[in-house]
Amino acid sequence: MRMLLIVALLPLAACQSNWEKKGEAAQASGSGATRTFAATGFTGVELRGSDDVDVKTGANFAVTAEGDTKVLDQLDIRVVNGTLRVARKDSKWFSNDRGARVHVVMPRLTAAAVGGSGDLTVDRAEGDFGGAVSGSGNLTIADLRAGSADLSVAGSGDMSVAGSASKLSASIAGSGNIDARRLTAANADVSIAGSGNVFGTVKGPASVSIVGSGDAELGGGAKCSVNAVGSGEARCS
């Protein structure tokens, strides 16, 4: 189910059009260089465009933003099917402005997706987790305690994850990397298509599939079964 969520989030994170603006935009308050958005009841966060988002775990929901007034006025923040979506109101979300920084506090995070060039950082997540990156933006998770961790990168963006998981599923399509060396997994499935690399720490069996020039480097005593086509290699130790 978690992988299905990632697959659903990836194309949504990659683009934005008017017909995609489902849900109701969160009411914004404040003026000048800060805004507060009335958004609650979400367990996932999806970032589109060039703005940056940091997510922290807390007892109550809170969504605030800081930046240039014109940029803040263009923010489109809404909850869609349990996911907080951070985007812009029009196609100028890929413009050369400095972007906004959005701060999110939420009780529990189960999924995070990045589209475009913005960065998303997460302090902590627990339980089954899905992370997805499309475009050139980056996703960083400081402390993940997961049953299953399903991580997917499409494009040139990178993902960095620390913590532990019973099962790691890591998938790459493109040139982006998944760095899970500080994530200890009991077992893993790794799939690479393109030039991107996967780094991980696996204590048990790992299934590795490579098509292209990307490499998989798994430490921690990983016992790998490998199917590789192209110049990519799997190094397990």
Protein backbone atom coordinates (compact mmCIF):
# COMPACT_ATOMS: atom_id res chain seq x y z
CA MET A 1 0.00 0.00 0.00
CA ARG A 2 2.84 2.40 0.81
CA MET A 3 4.42 1.91 -2.62
CA LEU A 4 1.05 2.64 -4.23
CA LEU A 5 1.01 5.94 -2.34
CA ILE A 6 4.48 6.82 -3.63
CA VAL A 7 3.49 6.00 -7.19
CA ALA A 8 0.45 8.22 -6.79
CA LEU A 9 2.48 11.10 -5.36
CA LEU A 10 5.29 11.12 -7.93
CA PRO A 11 3.35 12.40 -10.94
CA LEU A 12 1.50 14.84 -8.73
CA ALA A 13 4.77 16.21 -7.41
CA ALA A 14 6.15 16.63 -10.91
CA CYS A 15 3.65 19.18 -12.22
CA GLN A 16 0.79 21.49 -11.32
CA SER A 17 -2.22 22.61 -13.28
CA ASN A 18 -5.51 24.21 -12.39
CA TRP A 19 -7.52 21.01 -12.59
CA GLU A 20 -5.18 19.41 -10.04
CA LYS A 21 -6.12 21.96 -7.38
CA LYS A 22 -8.40 19.68 -5.45
CA GLY A 23 -9.43 20.32 -1.89
CA GLU A 24 -9.89 23.75 -0.36
CA ALA A 25 -7.03 26.21 0.02
CA ALA A 26 -6.04 26.78 3.65
CA GLN A 27 -7.05 30.16 5.05
CA ALA A 28 -3.99 32.41 5.40
CA SER A 29 -3.54 35.07 8.07
CA GLY A 30 -0.78 37.55 8.82
CA SER A 31 1.03 40.17 6.77
CA GLY A 32 4.52 41.26 5.87
CA ALA A 33 7.17 38.54 5.90
CA THR A 34 5.14 35.84 7.70
CA ARG A 35 1.92 33.91 7.17
CA THR A 36 -0.04 31.35 9.17
CA PHE A 37 -2.20 28.77 7.40
CA ALA A 38 -5.22 27.02 8.94
CA ALA A 39 -4.47 23.43 7.91
CA THR A 40 -5.01 20.31 10.04
CA GLY A 41 -5.79 16.61 9.74
CA PHE A 42 -2.98 15.53 7.40
CA THR A 43 -0.43 12.70 7.64
CA GLY A 44 1.53 13.37 4.44
CA VAL A 45 3.37 16.38 3.00
CA GLU A 46 3.86 17.10 -0.71
CA LEU A 47 6.11 19.94 -1.91
CA ARG A 48 5.85 21.31 -5.44
CA GLY A 49 8.13 23.93 -6.93
CA SER A 50 11.08 25.89 -5.56
CA ASP A 51 10.01 26.67 -2.00
CA ASP A 52 11.59 24.89 0.98
CA VAL A 53 9.66 23.04 3.67
CA ASP A 54 10.75 21.73 7.06
CA VAL A 55 8.58 19.29 8.98
CA LYS A 56 8.78 18.70 12.72
CA THR A 57 6.83 16.34 14.96
CA GLY A 58 4.61 17.99 17.56
CA ALA A 59 1.38 17.47 19.46
CA ASN A 60 -0.63 19.98 17.42
CA PHE A 61 -0.83 20.99 13.77
CA ALA A 62 0.80 24.25 12.70
CA VAL A 63 1.70 25.62 9.27
CA THR A 64 3.60 28.90 8.93
CA ALA A 65 5.66 30.51 6.17
CA GLU A 66 8.26 33.24 5.92
CA GLY A 67 9.73 35.09 2.96
CA ASP A 68 9.10 37.94 0.54
CA THR A 69 5.55 39.28 0.70
CA LYS A 70 4.92 38.72 -3.01
CA VAL A 71 6.08 35.12 -2.73
CA LEU A 72 3.95 34.45 0.35
CA ASP A 73 0.91 35.83 -1.45
CA GLN A 74 1.48 33.26 -4.21
CA LEU A 75 1.58 30.23 -1.89
CA ASP A 76 -1.17 27.67 -2.41
CA ILE A 77 -1.38 25.44 0.66
CA ARG A 78 -4.21 22.93 0.97
CA VAL A 79 -5.04 19.48 2.34
CA VAL A 80 -5.85 16.91 -0.35
CA ASN A 81 -6.80 13.38 0.69
CA GLY A 82 -4.88 13.61 3.95
CA THR A 83 -1.78 15.23 2.38
CA LEU A 84 -0.63 18.81 2.95
CA ARG A 85 0.21 20.17 -0.49
CA VAL A 86 2.57 23.17 -0.71
CA ALA A 87 2.54 24.82 -4.14
CA ARG A 88 2.07 28.15 -5.94
CA LYS A 89 -1.15 29.65 -7.27
CA ASP A 90 0.08 29.90 -10.86
CA SER A 91 2.79 28.66 -13.22
CA LYS A 92 5.36 31.13 -11.86
CA TRP A 93 6.28 28.62 -9.15
CA PHE A 94 9.42 27.84 -11.21
CA SER A 95 10.48 31.52 -11.28
CA ASN A 96 13.84 32.85 -10.06
CA ASP A 97 12.56 34.38 -6.81
CA ARG A 98 14.24 33.40 -3.56
CA GLY A 99 11.30 31.27 -2.55
CA ALA A 100 9.54 30.90 0.77
CA ARG A 101 10.34 28.70 3.74
CA VAL A 102 7.35 26.81 5.08
CA HIS A 103 7.40 25.36 8.60
CA VAL A 104 5.10 22.44 9.36
CA VAL A 105 4.35 20.86 12.73
CA MET A 106 2.27 17.67 12.77
CA PRO A 107 1.67 14.72 15.11
CA ARG A 108 2.61 11.96 12.64
CA LEU A 109 4.14 11.78 9.16
CA THR A 110 3.61 8.71 6.97
CA ALA A 111 4.52 10.03 3.50
CA ALA A 112 6.57 12.83 1.96
CA ALA A 113 6.99 13.84 -1.69
CA VAL A 114 9.12 16.47 -3.43
CA GLY A 115 8.59 17.85 -6.94
CA GLY A 116 10.55 20.59 -8.65
CA SER A 117 13.65 22.19 -7.10
CA GLY A 118 12.54 22.79 -3.52
CA ASP A 119 13.96 20.92 -0.51
CA LEU A 120 11.95 19.10 2.15
CA THR A 121 13.50 18.23 5.51
CA VAL A 122 11.89 16.02 8.17
CA ASP A 123 13.04 15.67 11.76
CA ARG A 124 11.31 12.38 12.60
CA ALA A 125 8.87 9.80 11.25
CA GLU A 126 7.60 6.52 12.70
CA GLY A 127 5.68 3.55 11.33
CA ASP A 128 5.43 2.53 7.68
CA PHE A 129 6.75 5.39 5.55
CA GLY A 130 6.81 6.38 1.88
CA GLY A 131 9.21 8.96 0.46
CA ALA A 132 9.31 10.16 -3.16
CA VAL A 133 11.43 12.68 -5.09
CA SER A 134 10.86 13.88 -8.64
CA GLY A 135 12.79 16.67 -10.32
CA SER A 136 15.88 18.26 -8.76
CA GLY A 137 14.64 18.85 -5.21
CA ASN A 138 15.96 16.95 -2.19
CA LEU A 139 14.31 15.05 0.66
CA THR A 140 16.11 14.61 3.99
CA ILE A 141 14.79 12.54 6.90
CA ALA A 142 16.87 12.85 10.08
CA ASP A 143 15.32 10.01 12.10
CA LEU A 144 13.06 7.35 10.59
CA ARG A 145 11.79 4.44 12.69
CA ALA A 146 9.86 2.35 10.20
CA GLY A 147 8.39 -1.06 9.72
CA SER A 148 8.65 -0.64 5.96
CA ALA A 149 10.41 2.27 4.25
CA ASP A 150 9.54 2.70 0.55
CA LEU A 151 11.85 5.26 -1.05
CA SER A 152 11.70 6.37 -4.67
CA VAL A 153 13.69 8.91 -6.71
CA ALA A 154 12.91 9.98 -10.27
CA GLY A 155 15.07 12.65 -11.88
CA SER A 156 18.18 14.34 -10.45
CA GLY A 157 17.02 14.99 -6.89
CA ASP A 158 18.61 13.22 -3.92
CA MET A 159 17.21 11.56 -0.81
CA SER A 160 19.03 11.12 2.50
CA VAL A 161 17.58 8.99 5.30
CA ALA A 162 18.80 7.96 8.76
CA GLY A 163 17.27 5.62 11.33
CA SER A 164 16.05 2.02 11.08
CA ALA A 165 13.55 -0.09 9.15
CA SER A 166 12.51 -3.71 9.07
CA LYS A 167 12.20 -3.58 5.27
CA LEU A 168 13.79 -1.08 2.87
CA SER A 169 12.53 -0.69 -0.68
CA ALA A 170 14.66 1.73 -2.71
CA SER A 171 13.90 2.59 -6.34
CA ILE A 172 15.71 4.98 -8.69
CA ALA A 173 14.80 6.13 -12.19
CA GLY A 174 17.28 8.75 -13.41
CA SER A 175 20.44 10.32 -11.97
CA GLY A 176 19.33 11.04 -8.40
CA ASN A 177 20.76 9.17 -5.41
CA ILE A 178 19.34 7.53 -2.31
CA ASP A 179 21.74 7.72 0.64
CA ALA A 180 20.49 5.38 3.35
CA ARG A 181 23.87 4.50 4.85
CA ARG A 182 22.68 5.81 8.22
CA LEU A 183 19.46 3.78 7.93
CA THR A 184 19.85 0.22 9.22
CA ALA A 185 17.46 -2.23 7.52
CA ALA A 186 16.85 -5.91 8.24
CA ASN A 187 16.34 -6.65 4.52
CA ALA A 188 16.02 -4.70 1.29
CA ASP A 189 14.81 -4.57 -2.30
CA VAL A 190 16.82 -2.22 -4.52
CA SER A 191 15.94 -1.27 -8.09
CA ILE A 192 18.02 1.11 -10.23
CA ALA A 193 17.22 2.28 -13.76
CA GLY A 194 19.67 4.91 -14.98
CA SER A 195 22.79 6.45 -13.44
CA GLY A 196 21.57 7.07 -9.90
CA ASN A 197 23.12 5.25 -6.93
CA VAL A 198 21.74 3.61 -3.80
CA PHE A 199 23.76 3.45 -0.59
CA GLY A 200 22.45 1.48 2.37
CA THR A 201 23.12 -0.61 5.45
CA VAL A 202 21.38 -3.98 5.39
CA LYS A 203 21.81 -6.66 8.04
CA GLY A 204 20.21 -9.47 6.02
CA PRO A 205 19.14 -10.42 2.50
CA ALA A 206 18.98 -7.82 -0.27
CA SER A 207 17.58 -8.19 -3.78
CA VAL A 208 19.30 -5.84 -6.24
CA SER A 209 18.20 -5.08 -9.81
CA ILE A 210 20.27 -2.69 -11.97
CA VAL A 211 19.62 -1.50 -15.50
CA GLY A 212 22.14 1.13 -16.61
CA SER A 213 25.22 2.67 -14.96
CA GLY A 214 23.94 3.21 -11.43
CA ASP A 215 25.57 1.39 -8.52
CA ALA A 216 24.23 -0.16 -5.33
CA GLU A 217 26.54 -0.14 -2.32
CA LEU A 218 25.16 -2.03 0.67
CA GLY A 219 27.10 -2.51 3.89
CA GLY A 220 26.20 -4.02 7.24
CA GLY A 221 26.71 -7.62 6.13
CA ALA A 222 24.17 -7.51 3.31
CA LYS A 223 23.67 -10.82 1.51
CA CYS A 224 22.81 -9.79 -2.04
CA SER A 225 21.17 -11.49 -4.97
CA VAL A 226 21.97 -9.37 -8.04
CA ASN A 227 20.50 -8.99 -11.52
CA ALA A 228 22.45 -6.34 -13.46
CA VAL A 229 22.28 -5.19 -17.09
CA GLY A 230 24.78 -2.52 -18.17
CA SER A 231 27.81 -1.08 -16.39
CA GLY A 232 26.20 -0.67 -12.98
CA GLU A 233 27.54 -2.75 -10.10
CA ALA A 234 26.34 -4.03 -6.75
CA ARG A 235 28.86 -4.02 -3.91
CA CYS A 236 27.67 -5.83 -0.80
CA SER A 237 29.66 -6.33 2.37
